[in-house]
Protein backbone atom coordinates (compact mmCIF):
# COMPACT_ATOMS: atom_id res chain seq x y z
CA MET A 1 -197.09 -2.39 4.67
CA THR A 2 -195.85 -5.84 3.99
CA GLU A 3 -192.54 -6.75 2.54
CA GLY A 4 -192.00 -9.45 0.14
CA LEU A 5 -190.25 -10.72 -3.02
CA ILE A 6 -191.81 -10.76 -6.55
CA ILE A 7 -191.36 -14.29 -7.72
CA LYS A 8 -193.41 -14.11 -10.97
CA GLY A 9 -194.99 -11.31 -12.97
CA VAL A 10 -197.58 -12.17 -15.96
CA SER A 11 -199.56 -9.53 -17.77
CA GLY A 12 -199.29 -6.92 -15.25
CA GLN A 13 -200.11 -9.26 -12.11
CA TYR A 14 -197.25 -9.86 -9.80
CA THR A 15 -196.96 -12.81 -7.33
CA VAL A 16 -195.43 -11.57 -4.29
CA LEU A 17 -193.93 -14.07 -1.57
CA THR A 18 -194.23 -12.83 1.89
CA SER A 19 -193.90 -14.38 5.38
CA GLU A 20 -197.71 -14.79 5.29
CA GLY A 21 -197.56 -16.60 1.74
CA GLN A 22 -198.23 -15.71 -1.64
CA ILE A 23 -200.15 -12.44 -2.57
CA THR A 24 -201.40 -11.55 -6.04
CA CYS A 25 -200.66 -7.95 -6.72
CA ASN A 26 -201.42 -5.21 -9.18
CA ALA A 27 -198.83 -2.32 -9.59
CA ARG A 28 -199.94 1.11 -8.60
CA GLY A 29 -200.49 3.54 -11.42
CA LEU A 30 -197.45 5.77 -10.49
CA PHE A 31 -195.08 2.89 -11.71
CA ARG A 32 -196.68 3.27 -15.26
CA LYS A 33 -196.33 7.01 -15.15
CA GLN A 34 -192.70 6.74 -14.37
CA LYS A 35 -192.21 3.99 -16.96
CA PHE A 36 -190.75 1.80 -14.22
CA THR A 37 -191.46 -1.91 -14.61
CA PRO A 38 -191.48 -4.18 -11.59
CA LEU A 39 -189.32 -7.31 -12.01
CA ALA A 40 -189.20 -10.76 -10.65
CA GLY A 41 -186.56 -10.60 -8.02
CA ASP A 42 -187.68 -7.11 -6.73
CA ILE A 43 -187.96 -6.61 -2.95
CA VAL A 44 -191.26 -4.66 -2.58
CA GLN A 45 -193.59 -3.26 -0.10
CA ILE A 46 -197.24 -4.16 -0.71
CA LYS A 47 -200.52 -2.88 0.73
CA GLN A 48 -202.68 -6.03 1.38
CA GLY A 49 -206.41 -6.07 0.29
CA GLU A 50 -208.88 -9.05 0.50
CA ALA A 51 -208.67 -12.49 -0.24
CA GLY A 52 -204.88 -12.80 -0.83
CA THR A 53 -204.75 -9.89 -3.21
CA GLY A 54 -202.81 -6.42 -2.84
CA THR A 55 -201.18 -3.56 -4.55
CA LEU A 56 -197.40 -2.98 -5.18
CA MET A 57 -196.68 0.32 -3.30
CA HIS A 58 -192.76 0.49 -3.30
CA ILE A 59 -189.88 -1.21 -4.80
CA LEU A 60 -186.82 -1.12 -2.76
CA PRO A 61 -183.40 -0.38 -4.38
CA ARG A 62 -182.02 -3.17 -6.67
CA LYS A 63 -178.47 -4.33 -6.21
CA ASN A 64 -178.38 -5.33 -9.91
CA GLU A 65 -180.63 -5.96 -12.95
CA VAL A 66 -180.03 -8.38 -15.78
CA LYS A 67 -181.27 -6.85 -19.02
CA ARG A 68 -182.16 -10.17 -20.68
CA PRO A 69 -183.91 -12.02 -19.27
CA ARG A 70 -185.11 -9.08 -17.16
CA VAL A 71 -184.71 -9.88 -13.38
CA ALA A 72 -183.38 -8.11 -10.39
CA ASN A 73 -181.23 -8.83 -7.38
CA VAL A 74 -179.47 -12.13 -8.71
CA ASP A 75 -176.30 -13.44 -7.37
CA VAL A 76 -175.14 -15.34 -10.51
CA VAL A 77 -176.25 -15.84 -14.10
CA VAL A 78 -175.85 -19.39 -15.35
CA MET A 79 -175.41 -19.69 -19.13
CA PHE A 80 -177.22 -22.76 -19.85
CA PHE A 81 -176.67 -24.62 -23.14
CA SER A 82 -176.96 -28.09 -24.43
CA ALA A 83 -173.90 -30.05 -25.92
CA LYS A 84 -176.19 -31.23 -28.77
CA THR A 85 -179.86 -31.01 -29.95
CA PRO A 86 -179.73 -27.99 -30.19
CA ASP A 87 -176.05 -27.71 -30.78
CA ILE A 88 -174.13 -25.37 -28.52
CA SER A 89 -173.81 -21.84 -30.10
CA TYR A 90 -170.46 -20.48 -28.80
CA THR A 91 -171.31 -17.05 -30.40
CA MET A 92 -174.47 -16.81 -28.20
CA LEU A 93 -172.52 -18.18 -25.20
CA ASP A 94 -169.97 -15.50 -25.57
CA ARG A 95 -172.52 -12.78 -25.95
CA TYR A 96 -174.23 -13.86 -22.76
CA LEU A 97 -170.96 -13.66 -20.95
CA MET A 98 -170.07 -10.37 -22.38
CA GLN A 99 -173.44 -8.95 -21.27
CA ALA A 100 -172.87 -10.35 -17.68
CA GLU A 101 -169.43 -8.90 -17.54
CA TYR A 102 -171.00 -5.57 -18.71
CA GLU A 103 -173.56 -5.63 -16.05
CA GLY A 104 -171.17 -6.57 -13.41
CA ILE A 105 -172.81 -9.86 -12.43
CA GLU A 106 -171.06 -13.18 -11.64
CA ALA A 107 -171.45 -15.82 -14.28
CA ALA A 108 -171.15 -19.53 -14.80
CA VAL A 109 -171.48 -22.06 -17.52
CA CYS A 110 -173.58 -25.28 -17.53
CA ILE A 111 -173.63 -27.60 -20.43
CA ASN A 112 -176.44 -30.10 -20.54
CA LYS A 113 -176.94 -33.30 -22.41
CA ILE A 114 -173.34 -34.23 -22.09
CA ASP A 115 -174.40 -37.88 -22.63
CA LEU A 116 -174.86 -36.76 -26.24
CA SER A 117 -171.47 -35.63 -26.89
CA ARG A 118 -168.53 -35.84 -24.41
CA ASP A 119 -166.19 -34.25 -26.93
CA ILE A 120 -168.11 -31.09 -27.20
CA SER A 121 -168.67 -31.01 -23.50
CA LYS A 122 -164.97 -31.21 -22.67
CA GLU A 123 -164.16 -28.69 -25.27
CA ALA A 124 -166.54 -26.10 -23.68
CA GLU A 125 -165.18 -27.00 -20.39
CA GLU A 126 -161.58 -26.34 -21.49
CA ILE A 127 -162.45 -23.02 -23.15
CA TYR A 128 -164.56 -21.44 -20.29
CA SER A 129 -162.76 -22.98 -17.31
CA GLY A 130 -159.59 -21.52 -18.92
CA ALA A 131 -161.48 -18.08 -19.23
CA GLY A 132 -162.18 -18.26 -15.47
CA TYR A 133 -165.62 -19.35 -15.35
CA PRO A 134 -167.13 -22.11 -13.17
CA VAL A 135 -168.15 -24.74 -15.73
CA PHE A 136 -170.56 -27.58 -14.89
CA LEU A 137 -171.27 -30.63 -17.08
CA VAL A 138 -174.57 -32.20 -16.35
CA SER A 139 -177.17 -34.71 -17.79
CA ALA A 140 -180.72 -34.40 -17.06
CA LYS A 141 -181.23 -37.96 -18.51
CA CYS A 142 -178.72 -39.76 -16.22
CA GLY A 143 -178.26 -37.25 -13.51
CA PHE A 144 -174.64 -36.87 -14.01
CA GLY A 145 -173.13 -33.70 -12.39
CA LEU A 146 -176.16 -32.60 -10.64
CA ASP A 147 -174.87 -32.88 -7.12
CA LYS A 148 -171.96 -30.53 -8.05
CA PHE A 149 -174.34 -28.16 -9.81
CA ALA A 150 -176.60 -28.13 -6.82
CA ASP A 151 -173.79 -27.50 -4.41
CA PHE A 152 -172.70 -24.49 -6.49
CA LEU A 153 -176.57 -23.16 -6.32
CA LYS A 154 -176.81 -23.32 -2.61
CA ALA A 155 -177.85 -20.11 -0.92
CA LYS A 156 -177.70 -18.12 -4.06
CA THR A 157 -180.35 -16.46 -6.28
CA SER A 158 -179.34 -17.97 -9.73
CA VAL A 159 -181.00 -17.24 -13.11
CA LEU A 160 -180.81 -19.88 -15.70
CA ALA A 161 -180.50 -18.25 -19.28
CA GLY A 162 -180.04 -20.02 -22.53
CA PRO A 163 -181.74 -21.08 -25.86
CA SER A 164 -185.12 -23.03 -25.95
CA GLY A 165 -184.53 -26.83 -26.00
CA SER A 166 -181.34 -26.73 -23.86
CA GLY A 167 -183.14 -28.54 -21.00
CA LYS A 168 -183.21 -25.83 -18.37
CA SER A 169 -186.81 -27.04 -16.99
CA SER A 170 -185.70 -30.61 -17.08
CA ILE A 171 -182.69 -29.71 -14.95
CA ILE A 172 -184.80 -27.78 -12.53
CA ASN A 173 -187.38 -30.62 -12.33
CA LYS A 174 -184.46 -32.83 -11.17
CA LEU A 175 -183.10 -30.27 -8.60
CA VAL A 176 -186.54 -29.39 -6.95
CA ASN A 177 -188.71 -32.32 -7.77
CA LYS A 178 -191.18 -30.09 -9.61
CA ASP A 179 -193.03 -31.08 -12.83
CA LEU A 180 -192.37 -28.14 -15.07
CA PRO A 181 -193.41 -28.56 -18.58
CA THR A 182 -190.49 -29.64 -20.89
CA GLY A 183 -190.26 -29.05 -24.52
CA GLU A 184 -189.23 -30.98 -27.77
CA ILE A 185 -186.73 -30.10 -30.55
CA SER A 186 -188.32 -28.80 -33.86
CA GLU A 187 -187.11 -31.18 -36.46
CA ARG A 188 -187.54 -28.48 -39.08
CA ILE A 189 -185.33 -25.82 -37.55
CA GLY A 190 -183.28 -27.96 -35.08
CA ARG A 191 -184.12 -25.67 -32.11
CA GLY A 192 -186.16 -25.94 -28.94
CA LYS A 193 -189.65 -24.99 -28.61
CA HIS A 194 -190.34 -22.42 -25.99
CA THR A 195 -191.92 -24.13 -22.88
CA THR A 196 -191.26 -21.57 -20.24
CA ARG A 197 -193.56 -18.71 -20.82
CA HIS A 198 -192.52 -16.28 -17.95
CA THR A 199 -189.75 -15.69 -15.52
CA GLU A 200 -190.41 -17.53 -12.24
CA PHE A 201 -188.42 -17.81 -8.93
CA ILE A 202 -188.44 -21.35 -7.67
CA PRO A 203 -187.20 -21.92 -4.21
CA LEU A 204 -184.69 -24.72 -3.44
CA ASP A 205 -184.93 -27.14 -0.86
CA PHE A 206 -181.28 -26.49 0.13
CA LYS A 207 -181.88 -22.67 0.42
CA GLY A 208 -181.79 -20.10 -2.43
CA TYR A 209 -183.81 -19.65 -5.54
CA ILE A 210 -183.35 -20.88 -9.06
CA ILE A 211 -184.92 -18.56 -11.82
CA ASP A 212 -186.37 -20.28 -14.79
CA THR A 213 -186.69 -18.01 -17.80
CA PRO A 214 -188.12 -18.30 -21.41
CA GLY A 215 -185.53 -19.46 -23.77
CA PHE A 216 -184.45 -17.33 -26.84
CA SER A 217 -182.52 -17.84 -29.93
CA SER A 218 -180.57 -14.53 -30.41
CA LEU A 219 -178.76 -11.94 -28.33
CA GLU A 220 -176.90 -8.81 -29.47
CA PRO A 221 -173.78 -8.06 -27.56
CA PRO A 222 -173.39 -4.97 -25.43
CA ASP A 223 -173.04 -1.52 -27.27
CA VAL A 224 -169.75 -0.41 -25.92
CA PRO A 225 -166.80 1.52 -27.50
CA LEU A 226 -164.33 -0.54 -29.37
CA THR A 227 -161.45 0.26 -26.94
CA GLU A 228 -163.61 -1.08 -24.03
CA ARG A 229 -164.58 -4.44 -25.68
CA ALA A 230 -161.56 -6.40 -24.71
CA ALA A 231 -162.22 -5.80 -21.00
CA LEU A 232 -165.52 -7.85 -21.35
CA PHE A 233 -163.30 -10.89 -21.92
CA ARG A 234 -162.29 -11.93 -18.53
CA GLU A 235 -159.07 -13.81 -19.66
CA PHE A 236 -157.89 -10.75 -21.49
CA ARG A 237 -157.75 -8.42 -18.36
CA GLU A 238 -154.40 -9.67 -17.00
CA TRP A 239 -152.70 -8.44 -20.26
CA LEU A 240 -154.51 -5.19 -20.88
CA GLY A 241 -152.17 -2.19 -20.30
CA GLU A 242 -149.16 -4.29 -21.13
CA CYS A 243 -149.41 -3.39 -24.98
CA ARG A 244 -147.10 -1.18 -26.66
CA PHE A 245 -150.01 1.20 -27.66
CA GLY A 246 -152.29 2.56 -24.88
CA ASP A 247 -155.36 2.36 -27.36
CA CYS A 248 -154.50 -1.10 -28.65
CA LEU A 249 -157.45 -3.00 -30.10
CA HIS A 250 -155.44 -6.17 -29.91
CA LYS A 251 -156.15 -6.89 -33.52
CA SER A 252 -153.29 -6.00 -35.98
CA GLU A 253 -151.14 -3.84 -33.61
CA SER A 254 -147.41 -4.78 -32.94
CA ASP A 255 -146.10 -5.57 -29.67
CA CYS A 256 -149.59 -6.56 -28.29
CA ALA A 257 -149.58 -8.51 -25.04
CA VAL A 258 -153.10 -9.97 -25.66
CA LYS A 259 -152.22 -11.52 -29.03
CA GLU A 260 -149.05 -13.05 -27.59
CA GLN A 261 -151.19 -15.05 -25.13
CA VAL A 262 -153.59 -16.50 -27.92
CA GLY A 263 -153.12 -20.13 -27.78
CA ILE A 264 -151.57 -20.03 -24.53
CA THR A 265 -153.82 -18.40 -21.71
CA ILE A 266 -156.30 -17.22 -24.24
CA SER A 267 -158.21 -19.60 -26.36
CA LYS A 268 -158.16 -19.19 -30.22
CA GLN A 269 -161.91 -19.65 -30.42
CA ARG A 270 -162.57 -16.82 -27.96
CA TYR A 271 -160.10 -14.45 -29.49
CA ASN A 272 -161.58 -15.13 -32.88
CA ARG A 273 -164.90 -14.26 -31.57
CA TYR A 274 -163.69 -10.99 -30.00
CA LEU A 275 -162.31 -9.98 -33.51
CA GLU A 276 -165.76 -10.70 -35.02
CA TRP A 277 -167.30 -8.49 -32.45
CA LEU A 278 -164.75 -5.68 -33.20
CA ASP A 279 -165.91 -6.01 -36.91
CA MET A 280 -169.64 -5.62 -36.17
């Protein structure tokens, strides 16, 4: 058996990086019978065949799994948005962050195209750094902020998740000197066109991997009970348990420690999106 890392999966074929190079593998039929899908990021054992081919035999235990985009064994999910063109969607960004908190995976925020709107970029930085997340303001066009962002990515397996057209591939091109295809913005709908077709691990020269993923334009928040939703907002946690009522939803109750912090340690925008989620 040879051990390796799945760095790409397309149409049932998996590219596995081993100490001997890349091997193109099919999964054994047992995985289909068990309805278990190998993912990019899985550490696997393969049986090598001829001419750089092989068969996936075993998948080693995962330390975590990101549900969307579906990847395994990541250190951090970077929520990647653009300040403009397409405009940043704070609702989608918060849903990404809630999903990461629900899955117990570290998260960061990266805002690209800051050359198009410094005001929006600084607003996003204030909201999410105040919520306790690392925030990076970058520009693929002029190179601003890339050194700081690259330093954060060192020795990590980082997945970039965000909408089409936000510039993920452009930033990756700058970081790894790789010519990934980049997309344009649809004038009709104001959103990016999908350019990344599959999830792929890309090795970094300064150690670690960056995972390029297909962009998408919608994401449902995690399906959790109402009383557990506040805990997925990182900046709420210090105040949970300090309310008058043990089952406080932090909405209309009196003597609510969370509500008392709105506008102080909790941004009004994030709190309002929490209320919207309660009513869904």
